[in-house]
Amino acid sequence: MSPLRISEFFSSVYSVPISQGTVYGILDRFAGKASPAMAVIKNVFQGATVVGADG
């Protein structure tokens, strides 16, 4: 979902105006905080013997 759509969603659903810049900032901060967890997940997948199988 684009920052514009997220901004529109908050405005229309919650009546809370939020700028696209604010959305970008929130997403950027979250990406930084999620980076260590994403590295762990990446390492787990790289070490897997089976990748892409549907169960």
PDB file of N, CA and C in Angstrom:
ATOM      1  N   MET A   1       0.855  -1.164   0.000  1.00  0.00           N
ATOM      2  CA  MET A   1       0.000   0.000   0.000  1.00  0.00           C
ATOM      3  C   MET A   1       0.905   1.232   0.000  1.00  0.00           C
ATOM      4  N   SER A   2       0.600   2.157  -0.845  1.00  0.00           N
ATOM      5  CA  SER A   2       1.425   3.360  -0.970  1.00  0.00           C
ATOM      6  C   SER A   2       1.180   4.318   0.206  1.00  0.00           C
ATOM      7  N   PRO A   3       2.167   5.170   0.489  1.00  0.00           N
ATOM      8  CA  PRO A   3       1.979   6.170   1.552  1.00  0.00           C
ATOM      9  C   PRO A   3       0.755   7.065   1.298  1.00  0.00           C
ATOM     10  N   LEU A   4       0.471   7.354   0.034  1.00  0.00           N
ATOM     11  CA  LEU A   4      -0.722   8.157  -0.273  1.00  0.00           C
ATOM     12  C   LEU A   4      -1.984   7.436   0.172  1.00  0.00           C
ATOM     13  N   ARG A   5      -2.070   6.136  -0.140  1.00  0.00           N
ATOM     14  CA  ARG A   5      -3.262   5.362   0.239  1.00  0.00           C
ATOM     15  C   ARG A   5      -3.370   5.229   1.759  1.00  0.00           C
ATOM     16  N   ILE A   6      -2.247   5.057   2.426  1.00  0.00           N
ATOM     17  CA  ILE A   6      -2.254   4.968   3.889  1.00  0.00           C
ATOM     18  C   ILE A   6      -2.754   6.283   4.481  1.00  0.00           C
ATOM     19  N   SER A   7      -2.281   7.389   3.933  1.00  0.00           N
ATOM     20  CA  SER A   7      -2.706   8.711   4.373  1.00  0.00           C
ATOM     21  C   SER A   7      -4.207   8.900   4.167  1.00  0.00           C
ATOM     22  N   GLU A   8      -4.687   8.511   3.005  1.00  0.00           N
ATOM     23  CA  GLU A   8      -6.117   8.614   2.700  1.00  0.00           C
ATOM     24  C   GLU A   8      -6.942   7.720   3.621  1.00  0.00           C
ATOM     25  N   PHE A   9      -6.438   6.537   3.905  1.00  0.00           N
ATOM     26  CA  PHE A   9      -7.133   5.604   4.794  1.00  0.00           C
ATOM     27  C   PHE A   9      -7.334   6.208   6.180  1.00  0.00           C
ATOM     28  N   PHE A  10      -6.259   6.732   6.777  1.00  0.00           N
ATOM     29  CA  PHE A  10      -6.367   7.324   8.107  1.00  0.00           C
ATOM     30  C   PHE A  10      -7.323   8.505   8.117  1.00  0.00           C
ATOM     31  N   SER A  11      -7.304   9.275   7.042  1.00  0.00           N
ATOM     32  CA  SER A  11      -8.187  10.431   6.965  1.00  0.00           C
ATOM     33  C   SER A  11      -9.651  10.014   6.849  1.00  0.00           C
ATOM     34  N   SER A  12      -9.928   9.049   5.981  1.00  0.00           N
ATOM     35  CA  SER A  12     -11.325   8.673   5.741  1.00  0.00           C
ATOM     36  C   SER A  12     -11.892   7.751   6.814  1.00  0.00           C
ATOM     37  N   VAL A  13     -11.111   6.828   7.336  1.00  0.00           N
ATOM     38  CA  VAL A  13     -11.623   5.856   8.302  1.00  0.00           C
ATOM     39  C   VAL A  13     -11.585   6.388   9.730  1.00  0.00           C
ATOM     40  N   TYR A  14     -10.482   7.034  10.098  1.00  0.00           N
ATOM     41  CA  TYR A  14     -10.320   7.489  11.480  1.00  0.00           C
ATOM     42  C   TYR A  14     -10.480   8.991  11.650  1.00  0.00           C
ATOM     43  N   SER A  15     -10.712   9.714  10.567  1.00  0.00           N
ATOM     44  CA  SER A  15     -10.800  11.179  10.596  1.00  0.00           C
ATOM     45  C   SER A  15      -9.546  11.795  11.214  1.00  0.00           C
ATOM     46  N   VAL A  16      -8.399  11.185  10.911  1.00  0.00           N
ATOM     47  CA  VAL A  16      -7.114  11.667  11.403  1.00  0.00           C
ATOM     48  C   VAL A  16      -6.261  12.002  10.188  1.00  0.00           C
ATOM     49  N   PRO A  17      -6.092  13.288   9.910  1.00  0.00           N
ATOM     50  CA  PRO A  17      -5.235  13.647   8.774  1.00  0.00           C
ATOM     51  C   PRO A  17      -3.772  13.357   9.094  1.00  0.00           C
ATOM     52  N   ILE A  18      -3.121  12.641   8.200  1.00  0.00           N
ATOM     53  CA  ILE A  18      -1.713  12.294   8.375  1.00  0.00           C
ATOM     54  C   ILE A  18      -1.044  12.466   7.015  1.00  0.00           C
ATOM     55  N   SER A  19       0.061  13.170   6.997  1.00  0.00           N
ATOM     56  CA  SER A  19       0.704  13.480   5.723  1.00  0.00           C
ATOM     57  C   SER A  19       1.474  12.274   5.195  1.00  0.00           C
ATOM     58  N   GLN A  20       1.730  12.295   3.897  1.00  0.00           N
ATOM     59  CA  GLN A  20       2.531  11.240   3.286  1.00  0.00           C
ATOM     60  C   GLN A  20       3.938  11.233   3.876  1.00  0.00           C
ATOM     61  N   GLY A  21       4.470  12.400   4.191  1.00  0.00           N
ATOM     62  CA  GLY A  21       5.795  12.497   4.796  1.00  0.00           C
ATOM     63  C   GLY A  21       5.855  11.805   6.143  1.00  0.00           C
ATOM     64  N   THR A  22       4.795  11.959   6.927  1.00  0.00           N
ATOM     65  CA  THR A  22       4.724  11.287   8.216  1.00  0.00           C
ATOM     66  C   THR A  22       4.681   9.775   8.022  1.00  0.00           C
ATOM     67  N   VAL A  23       3.910   9.335   7.043  1.00  0.00           N
ATOM     68  CA  VAL A  23       3.826   7.908   6.745  1.00  0.00           C
ATOM     69  C   VAL A  23       5.205   7.381   6.343  1.00  0.00           C
ATOM     70  N   TYR A  24       5.898   8.101   5.463  1.00  0.00           N
ATOM     71  CA  TYR A  24       7.255   7.705   5.068  1.00  0.00           C
ATOM     72  C   TYR A  24       8.166   7.591   6.287  1.00  0.00           C
ATOM     73  N   GLY A  25       8.080   8.567   7.188  1.00  0.00           N
ATOM     74  CA  GLY A  25       8.909   8.554   8.387  1.00  0.00           C
ATOM     75  C   GLY A  25       8.623   7.360   9.275  1.00  0.00           C
ATOM     76  N   ILE A  26       7.358   7.047   9.463  1.00  0.00           N
ATOM     77  CA  ILE A  26       6.963   5.905  10.288  1.00  0.00           C
ATOM     78  C   ILE A  26       7.473   4.605   9.654  1.00  0.00           C
ATOM     79  N   LEU A  27       7.288   4.467   8.346  1.00  0.00           N
ATOM     80  CA  LEU A  27       7.751   3.262   7.651  1.00  0.00           C
ATOM     81  C   LEU A  27       9.270   3.130   7.708  1.00  0.00           C
ATOM     82  N   ASP A  28       9.972   4.245   7.597  1.00  0.00           N
ATOM     83  CA  ASP A  28      11.426   4.231   7.659  1.00  0.00           C
ATOM     84  C   ASP A  28      11.912   3.798   9.046  1.00  0.00           C
ATOM     85  N   ARG A  29      11.298   4.337  10.096  1.00  0.00           N
ATOM     86  CA  ARG A  29      11.677   3.947  11.456  1.00  0.00           C
ATOM     87  C   ARG A  29      11.385   2.470  11.705  1.00  0.00           C
ATOM     88  N   PHE A  30      10.231   2.006  11.229  1.00  0.00           N
ATOM     89  CA  PHE A  30       9.873   0.602  11.398  1.00  0.00           C
ATOM     90  C   PHE A  30      10.852  -0.306  10.661  1.00  0.00           C
ATOM     91  N   ALA A  31      11.240   0.084   9.451  1.00  0.00           N
ATOM     92  CA  ALA A  31      12.203  -0.717   8.683  1.00  0.00           C
ATOM     93  C   ALA A  31      13.518  -0.849   9.440  1.00  0.00           C
ATOM     94  N   GLY A  32      13.956   0.220  10.066  1.00  0.00           N
ATOM     95  CA  GLY A  32      15.182   0.172  10.852  1.00  0.00           C
ATOM     96  C   GLY A  32      15.062  -0.755  12.050  1.00  0.00           C
ATOM     97  N   LYS A  33      13.909  -0.718  12.714  1.00  0.00           N
ATOM     98  CA  LYS A  33      13.702  -1.574  13.881  1.00  0.00           C
ATOM     99  C   LYS A  33      13.523  -3.040  13.479  1.00  0.00           C
ATOM    100  N   ALA A  34      12.969  -3.288  12.306  1.00  0.00           N
ATOM    101  CA  ALA A  34      12.715  -4.657  11.852  1.00  0.00           C
ATOM    102  C   ALA A  34      13.941  -5.304  11.216  1.00  0.00           C
ATOM    103  N   SER A  35      14.944  -4.515  10.901  1.00  0.00           N
ATOM    104  CA  SER A  35      16.116  -5.009  10.189  1.00  0.00           C
ATOM    105  C   SER A  35      16.805  -6.196  10.884  1.00  0.00           C
ATOM    106  N   PRO A  36      17.042  -6.162  12.200  1.00  0.00           N
ATOM    107  CA  PRO A  36      17.675  -7.323  12.841  1.00  0.00           C
ATOM    108  C   PRO A  36      16.837  -8.605  12.718  1.00  0.00           C
ATOM    109  N   ALA A  37      15.534  -8.492  12.890  1.00  0.00           N
ATOM    110  CA  ALA A  37      14.667  -9.666  12.757  1.00  0.00           C
ATOM    111  C   ALA A  37      14.671 -10.187  11.329  1.00  0.00           C
ATOM    112  N   MET A  38      14.685  -9.282  10.363  1.00  0.00           N
ATOM    113  CA  MET A  38      14.717  -9.707   8.962  1.00  0.00           C
ATOM    114  C   MET A  38      16.011 -10.443   8.645  1.00  0.00           C
ATOM    115  N   ALA A  39      17.117 -10.036   9.253  1.00  0.00           N
ATOM    116  CA  ALA A  39      18.400 -10.716   9.040  1.00  0.00           C
ATOM    117  C   ALA A  39      18.346 -12.136   9.593  1.00  0.00           C
ATOM    118  N   VAL A  40      17.734 -12.323  10.745  1.00  0.00           N
ATOM    119  CA  VAL A  40      17.590 -13.660  11.329  1.00  0.00           C
ATOM    120  C   VAL A  40      16.735 -14.542  10.418  1.00  0.00           C
ATOM    121  N   ILE A  41      15.615 -14.004   9.957  1.00  0.00           N
ATOM    122  CA  ILE A  41      14.729 -14.760   9.072  1.00  0.00           C
ATOM    123  C   ILE A  41      15.452 -15.135   7.783  1.00  0.00           C
ATOM    124  N   LYS A  42      16.200 -14.211   7.235  1.00  0.00           N
ATOM    125  CA  LYS A  42      16.960 -14.470   6.006  1.00  0.00           C
ATOM    126  C   LYS A  42      17.952 -15.603   6.218  1.00  0.00           C
ATOM    127  N   ASN A  43      18.660 -15.587   7.347  1.00  0.00           N
ATOM    128  CA  ASN A  43      19.629 -16.638   7.646  1.00  0.00           C
ATOM    129  C   ASN A  43      18.961 -18.003   7.797  1.00  0.00           C
ATOM    130  N   VAL A  44      17.787 -18.032   8.408  1.00  0.00           N
ATOM    131  CA  VAL A  44      17.056 -19.297   8.560  1.00  0.00           C
ATOM    132  C   VAL A  44      16.693 -19.855   7.191  1.00  0.00           C
ATOM    133  N   PHE A  45      16.188 -19.006   6.307  1.00  0.00           N
ATOM    134  CA  PHE A  45      15.805 -19.465   4.983  1.00  0.00           C
ATOM    135  C   PHE A  45      17.011 -19.895   4.160  1.00  0.00           C
ATOM    136  N   GLN A  46      18.101 -19.184   4.305  1.00  0.00           N
ATOM    137  CA  GLN A  46      19.298 -19.548   3.547  1.00  0.00           C
ATOM    138  C   GLN A  46      19.852 -20.896   3.987  1.00  0.00           C
ATOM    139  N   GLY A  47      19.624 -21.267   5.221  1.00  0.00           N
ATOM    140  CA  GLY A  47      20.101 -22.555   5.725  1.00  0.00           C
ATOM    141  C   GLY A  47      19.117 -23.693   5.537  1.00  0.00           C
ATOM    142  N   ALA A  48      17.930 -23.398   5.011  1.00  0.00           N
ATOM    143  CA  ALA A  48      16.907 -24.422   4.836  1.00  0.00           C
ATOM    144  C   ALA A  48      17.268 -25.363   3.694  1.00  0.00           C
ATOM    145  N   THR A  49      16.918 -26.636   3.880  1.00  0.00           N
ATOM    146  CA  THR A  49      17.164 -27.613   2.823  1.00  0.00           C
ATOM    147  C   THR A  49      16.042 -27.621   1.795  1.00  0.00           C
ATOM    148  N   VAL A  50      14.846 -27.216   2.204  1.00  0.00           N
ATOM    149  CA  VAL A  50      13.704 -27.148   1.292  1.00  0.00           C
ATOM    150  C   VAL A  50      13.206 -25.717   1.269  1.00  0.00           C
ATOM    151  N   VAL A  51      13.122 -25.162   0.077  1.00  0.00           N
ATOM    152  CA  VAL A  51      12.655 -23.786  -0.068  1.00  0.00           C
ATOM    153  C   VAL A  51      11.553 -23.757  -1.114  1.00  0.00           C
ATOM    154  N   GLY A  52      10.473 -23.065  -0.813  1.00  0.00           N
ATOM    155  CA  GLY A  52       9.396 -22.870  -1.786  1.00  0.00           C
ATOM    156  C   GLY A  52       8.410 -24.010  -1.890  1.00  0.00           C
ATOM    157  N   ALA A  53       8.349 -24.897  -0.889  1.00  0.00           N
ATOM    158  CA  ALA A  53       7.409 -26.010  -0.927  1.00  0.00           C
ATOM    159  C   ALA A  53       6.100 -25.598  -0.275  1.00  0.00           C
ATOM    160  N   ASP A  54       4.995 -25.988  -0.891  1.00  0.00           N
ATOM    161  CA  ASP A  54       3.675 -25.746  -0.299  1.00  0.00           C
ATOM    162  C   ASP A  54       3.306 -26.961   0.541  1.00  0.00           C
ATOM    163  N   GLY A  55       2.738 -26.689   1.694  1.00  0.00           N
ATOM    164  CA  GLY A  55       2.429 -27.784   2.611  1.00  0.00           C
ATOM    165  C   GLY A  55       1.023 -28.116   2.611  1.00  0.00           C
TER     166      GLY A  55
END
